[in-house]
Amino acid sequence: MLSLWDTICSAENDMEMENYSDQKQEFLSNFLELANEILSQHTINRVFRFF
């Protein structure tokens, strides 16, 4: 879900996705259940390699 949100807000790669999510974590936690921390750019990259 965060990756979709980041992409809509113009994040173009895994590093930008992580940075944007980190900056907006408090705001996003109002709408999303963030049980763990924001994913690292390496984890985001591994997930998107499967697509």
PDB file of N, CA and C in Angstrom:
ATOM      1  N   MET A   1       0.822  -1.186   0.000  1.00  0.00           N
ATOM      2  CA  MET A   1       0.000   0.000   0.000  1.00  0.00           C
ATOM      3  C   MET A   1       0.874   1.261   0.000  1.00  0.00           C
ATOM      4  N   LEU A   2       1.928   1.241   0.799  1.00  0.00           N
ATOM      5  CA  LEU A   2       2.808   2.407   0.846  1.00  0.00           C
ATOM      6  C   LEU A   2       3.489   2.658  -0.490  1.00  0.00           C
ATOM      7  N   SER A   3       3.843   1.607  -1.196  1.00  0.00           N
ATOM      8  CA  SER A   3       4.502   1.780  -2.490  1.00  0.00           C
ATOM      9  C   SER A   3       3.581   2.456  -3.488  1.00  0.00           C
ATOM     10  N   LEU A   4       2.320   2.109  -3.465  1.00  0.00           N
ATOM     11  CA  LEU A   4       1.347   2.760  -4.333  1.00  0.00           C
ATOM     12  C   LEU A   4       1.232   4.235  -3.982  1.00  0.00           C
ATOM     13  N   TRP A   5       1.119   4.530  -2.699  1.00  0.00           N
ATOM     14  CA  TRP A   5       1.018   5.915  -2.236  1.00  0.00           C
ATOM     15  C   TRP A   5       2.258   6.704  -2.654  1.00  0.00           C
ATOM     16  N   ASP A   6       3.436   6.114  -2.467  1.00  0.00           N
ATOM     17  CA  ASP A   6       4.692   6.784  -2.819  1.00  0.00           C
ATOM     18  C   ASP A   6       4.763   7.066  -4.317  1.00  0.00           C
ATOM     19  N   THR A   7       4.333   6.104  -5.121  1.00  0.00           N
ATOM     20  CA  THR A   7       4.372   6.266  -6.566  1.00  0.00           C
ATOM     21  C   THR A   7       3.421   7.367  -7.022  1.00  0.00           C
ATOM     22  N   ILE A   8       2.245   7.415  -6.444  1.00  0.00           N
ATOM     23  CA  ILE A   8       1.287   8.481  -6.773  1.00  0.00           C
ATOM     24  C   ILE A   8       1.890   9.843  -6.458  1.00  0.00           C
ATOM     25  N   CYS A   9       2.693   9.904  -5.417  1.00  0.00           N
ATOM     26  CA  CYS A   9       3.315  11.173  -4.995  1.00  0.00           C
ATOM     27  C   CYS A   9       4.678  11.390  -5.645  1.00  0.00           C
ATOM     28  N   SER A  10       4.908  10.753  -6.786  1.00  0.00           N
ATOM     29  CA  SER A  10       6.066  10.991  -7.665  1.00  0.00           C
ATOM     30  C   SER A  10       7.373  10.349  -7.229  1.00  0.00           C
ATOM     31  N   ALA A  11       7.358   9.380  -6.351  1.00  0.00           N
ATOM     32  CA  ALA A  11       8.591   8.655  -6.037  1.00  0.00           C
ATOM     33  C   ALA A  11       8.919   7.763  -7.237  1.00  0.00           C
ATOM     34  N   GLU A  12      10.135   7.853  -7.734  1.00  0.00           N
ATOM     35  CA  GLU A  12      10.494   7.154  -8.965  1.00  0.00           C
ATOM     36  C   GLU A  12      11.350   5.907  -8.755  1.00  0.00           C
ATOM     37  N   ASN A  13      11.915   5.729  -7.570  1.00  0.00           N
ATOM     38  CA  ASN A  13      12.730   4.540  -7.346  1.00  0.00           C
ATOM     39  C   ASN A  13      12.614   4.126  -5.877  1.00  0.00           C
ATOM     40  N   ASP A  14      13.271   3.030  -5.534  1.00  0.00           N
ATOM     41  CA  ASP A  14      13.145   2.480  -4.185  1.00  0.00           C
ATOM     42  C   ASP A  14      13.663   3.428  -3.108  1.00  0.00           C
ATOM     43  N   MET A  15      14.723   4.170  -3.388  1.00  0.00           N
ATOM     44  CA  MET A  15      15.262   5.101  -2.397  1.00  0.00           C
ATOM     45  C   MET A  15      14.278   6.253  -2.142  1.00  0.00           C
ATOM     46  N   GLU A  16      13.679   6.773  -3.202  1.00  0.00           N
ATOM     47  CA  GLU A  16      12.696   7.844  -3.038  1.00  0.00           C
ATOM     48  C   GLU A  16      11.453   7.350  -2.298  1.00  0.00           C
ATOM     49  N   MET A  17      11.059   6.097  -2.550  1.00  0.00           N
ATOM     50  CA  MET A  17       9.906   5.520  -1.840  1.00  0.00           C
ATOM     51  C   MET A  17      10.176   5.447  -0.346  1.00  0.00           C
ATOM     52  N   GLU A  18      11.362   4.960   0.013  1.00  0.00           N
ATOM     53  CA  GLU A  18      11.715   4.861   1.428  1.00  0.00           C
ATOM     54  C   GLU A  18      11.770   6.247   2.077  1.00  0.00           C
ATOM     55  N   ASN A  19      12.400   7.195   1.406  1.00  0.00           N
ATOM     56  CA  ASN A  19      12.517   8.545   1.960  1.00  0.00           C
ATOM     57  C   ASN A  19      11.154   9.201   2.142  1.00  0.00           C
ATOM     58  N   TYR A  20      10.293   9.084   1.156  1.00  0.00           N
ATOM     59  CA  TYR A  20       8.968   9.697   1.246  1.00  0.00           C
ATOM     60  C   TYR A  20       8.169   9.055   2.386  1.00  0.00           C
ATOM     61  N   SER A  21       8.198   7.740   2.463  1.00  0.00           N
ATOM     62  CA  SER A  21       7.464   7.037   3.525  1.00  0.00           C
ATOM     63  C   SER A  21       7.972   7.416   4.908  1.00  0.00           C
ATOM     64  N   ASP A  22       9.294   7.540   5.033  1.00  0.00           N
ATOM     65  CA  ASP A  22       9.869   7.953   6.319  1.00  0.00           C
ATOM     66  C   ASP A  22       9.395   9.350   6.709  1.00  0.00           C
ATOM     67  N   GLN A  23       9.374  10.245   5.733  1.00  0.00           N
ATOM     68  CA  GLN A  23       8.965  11.622   6.009  1.00  0.00           C
ATOM     69  C   GLN A  23       7.483  11.711   6.381  1.00  0.00           C
ATOM     70  N   LYS A  24       6.664  10.844   5.813  1.00  0.00           N
ATOM     71  CA  LYS A  24       5.214  10.910   6.008  1.00  0.00           C
ATOM     72  C   LYS A  24       4.683   9.823   6.947  1.00  0.00           C
ATOM     73  N   GLN A  25       5.563   9.150   7.678  1.00  0.00           N
ATOM     74  CA  GLN A  25       5.154   8.028   8.516  1.00  0.00           C
ATOM     75  C   GLN A  25       4.080   8.420   9.533  1.00  0.00           C
ATOM     76  N   GLU A  26       4.241   9.529  10.209  1.00  0.00           N
ATOM     77  CA  GLU A  26       3.252   9.949  11.208  1.00  0.00           C
ATOM     78  C   GLU A  26       1.897  10.204  10.555  1.00  0.00           C
ATOM     79  N   PHE A  27       1.895  10.887   9.425  1.00  0.00           N
ATOM     80  CA  PHE A  27       0.655  11.165   8.700  1.00  0.00           C
ATOM     81  C   PHE A  27       0.011   9.869   8.220  1.00  0.00           C
ATOM     82  N   LEU A  28       0.802   8.984   7.620  1.00  0.00           N
ATOM     83  CA  LEU A  28       0.273   7.738   7.073  1.00  0.00           C
ATOM     84  C   LEU A  28      -0.261   6.807   8.159  1.00  0.00           C
ATOM     85  N   SER A  29       0.308   6.885   9.347  1.00  0.00           N
ATOM     86  CA  SER A  29      -0.151   6.011  10.431  1.00  0.00           C
ATOM     87  C   SER A  29      -1.570   6.363  10.879  1.00  0.00           C
ATOM     88  N   ASN A  30      -2.071   7.529  10.494  1.00  0.00           N
ATOM     89  CA  ASN A  30      -3.463   7.879  10.780  1.00  0.00           C
ATOM     90  C   ASN A  30      -4.435   7.069   9.926  1.00  0.00           C
ATOM     91  N   PHE A  31      -3.980   6.591   8.757  1.00  0.00           N
ATOM     92  CA  PHE A  31      -4.840   5.885   7.816  1.00  0.00           C
ATOM     93  C   PHE A  31      -4.500   4.415   7.673  1.00  0.00           C
ATOM     94  N   LEU A  32      -3.257   4.068   7.925  1.00  0.00           N
ATOM     95  CA  LEU A  32      -2.771   2.702   7.733  1.00  0.00           C
ATOM     96  C   LEU A  32      -2.236   2.148   9.045  1.00  0.00           C
ATOM     97  N   GLU A  33      -2.423   0.873   9.237  1.00  0.00           N
ATOM     98  CA  GLU A  33      -1.849   0.224  10.413  1.00  0.00           C
ATOM     99  C   GLU A  33      -0.403  -0.137  10.087  1.00  0.00           C
ATOM    100  N   LEU A  34       0.515   0.573  10.685  1.00  0.00           N
ATOM    101  CA  LEU A  34       1.944   0.338  10.450  1.00  0.00           C
ATOM    102  C   LEU A  34       2.507  -0.428  11.646  1.00  0.00           C
ATOM    103  N   ALA A  35       2.319  -1.738  11.616  1.00  0.00           N
ATOM    104  CA  ALA A  35       2.738  -2.579  12.738  1.00  0.00           C
ATOM    105  C   ALA A  35       4.254  -2.568  12.912  1.00  0.00           C
ATOM    106  N   ASN A  36       4.958  -2.503  11.812  1.00  0.00           N
ATOM    107  CA  ASN A  36       6.427  -2.462  11.840  1.00  0.00           C
ATOM    108  C   ASN A  36       6.890  -1.131  11.269  1.00  0.00           C
ATOM    109  N   GLU A  37       8.172  -0.960  11.206  1.00  0.00           N
ATOM    110  CA  GLU A  37       8.733   0.275  10.647  1.00  0.00           C
ATOM    111  C   GLU A  37       8.517   0.300   9.132  1.00  0.00           C
ATOM    112  N   ILE A  38       8.841   1.424   8.527  1.00  0.00           N
ATOM    113  CA  ILE A  38       8.788   1.558   7.075  1.00  0.00           C
ATOM    114  C   ILE A  38       9.838   0.626   6.472  1.00  0.00           C
ATOM    115  N   LEU A  39       9.500  -0.020   5.352  1.00  0.00           N
ATOM    116  CA  LEU A  39      10.428  -0.928   4.698  1.00  0.00           C
ATOM    117  C   LEU A  39      11.646  -0.179   4.177  1.00  0.00           C
ATOM    118  N   SER A  40      12.781  -0.840   4.203  1.00  0.00           N
ATOM    119  CA  SER A  40      14.000  -0.227   3.675  1.00  0.00           C
ATOM    120  C   SER A  40      13.973  -0.284   2.158  1.00  0.00           C
ATOM    121  N   GLN A  41      14.837   0.506   1.537  1.00  0.00           N
ATOM    122  CA  GLN A  41      14.900   0.517   0.077  1.00  0.00           C
ATOM    123  C   GLN A  41      15.298  -0.849  -0.459  1.00  0.00           C
ATOM    124  N   HIS A  42      16.089  -1.600   0.280  1.00  0.00           N
ATOM    125  CA  HIS A  42      16.516  -2.928  -0.163  1.00  0.00           C
ATOM    126  C   HIS A  42      15.340  -3.900  -0.177  1.00  0.00           C
ATOM    127  N   THR A  43      14.490  -3.832   0.817  1.00  0.00           N
ATOM    128  CA  THR A  43      13.312  -4.694   0.864  1.00  0.00           C
ATOM    129  C   THR A  43      12.344  -4.326  -0.253  1.00  0.00           C
ATOM    130  N   ILE A  44      12.137  -3.037  -0.465  1.00  0.00           N
ATOM    131  CA  ILE A  44      11.265  -2.582  -1.546  1.00  0.00           C
ATOM    132  C   ILE A  44      11.792  -3.094  -2.883  1.00  0.00           C
ATOM    133  N   ASN A  45      13.087  -2.991  -3.089  1.00  0.00           N
ATOM    134  CA  ASN A  45      13.711  -3.453  -4.315  1.00  0.00           C
ATOM    135  C   ASN A  45      13.506  -4.951  -4.513  1.00  0.00           C
ATOM    136  N   ARG A  46      13.684  -5.750  -3.457  1.00  0.00           N
ATOM    137  CA  ARG A  46      13.491  -7.203  -3.561  1.00  0.00           C
ATOM    138  C   ARG A  46      12.052  -7.546  -3.911  1.00  0.00           C
ATOM    139  N   VAL A  47      11.103  -6.832  -3.347  1.00  0.00           N
ATOM    140  CA  VAL A  47       9.689  -7.098  -3.631  1.00  0.00           C
ATOM    141  C   VAL A  47       9.367  -6.789  -5.093  1.00  0.00           C
ATOM    142  N   PHE A  48       9.840  -5.658  -5.594  1.00  0.00           N
ATOM    143  CA  PHE A  48       9.519  -5.263  -6.961  1.00  0.00           C
ATOM    144  C   PHE A  48      10.273  -6.073  -8.002  1.00  0.00           C
ATOM    145  N   ARG A  49      11.332  -6.761  -7.643  1.00  0.00           N
ATOM    146  CA  ARG A  49      12.019  -7.629  -8.602  1.00  0.00           C
ATOM    147  C   ARG A  49      11.137  -8.783  -9.050  1.00  0.00           C
ATOM    148  N   PHE A  50      10.153  -9.157  -8.244  1.00  0.00           N
ATOM    149  CA  PHE A  50       9.270 -10.263  -8.593  1.00  0.00           C
ATOM    150  C   PHE A  50       8.203  -9.862  -9.612  1.00  0.00           C
ATOM    151  N   PHE A  51       8.044  -8.589  -9.875  1.00  0.00           N
ATOM    152  CA  PHE A  51       7.003  -8.139 -10.808  1.00  0.00           C
ATOM    153  C   PHE A  51       7.551  -7.824 -12.145  1.00  0.00           C
TER     154      PHE A  51
END
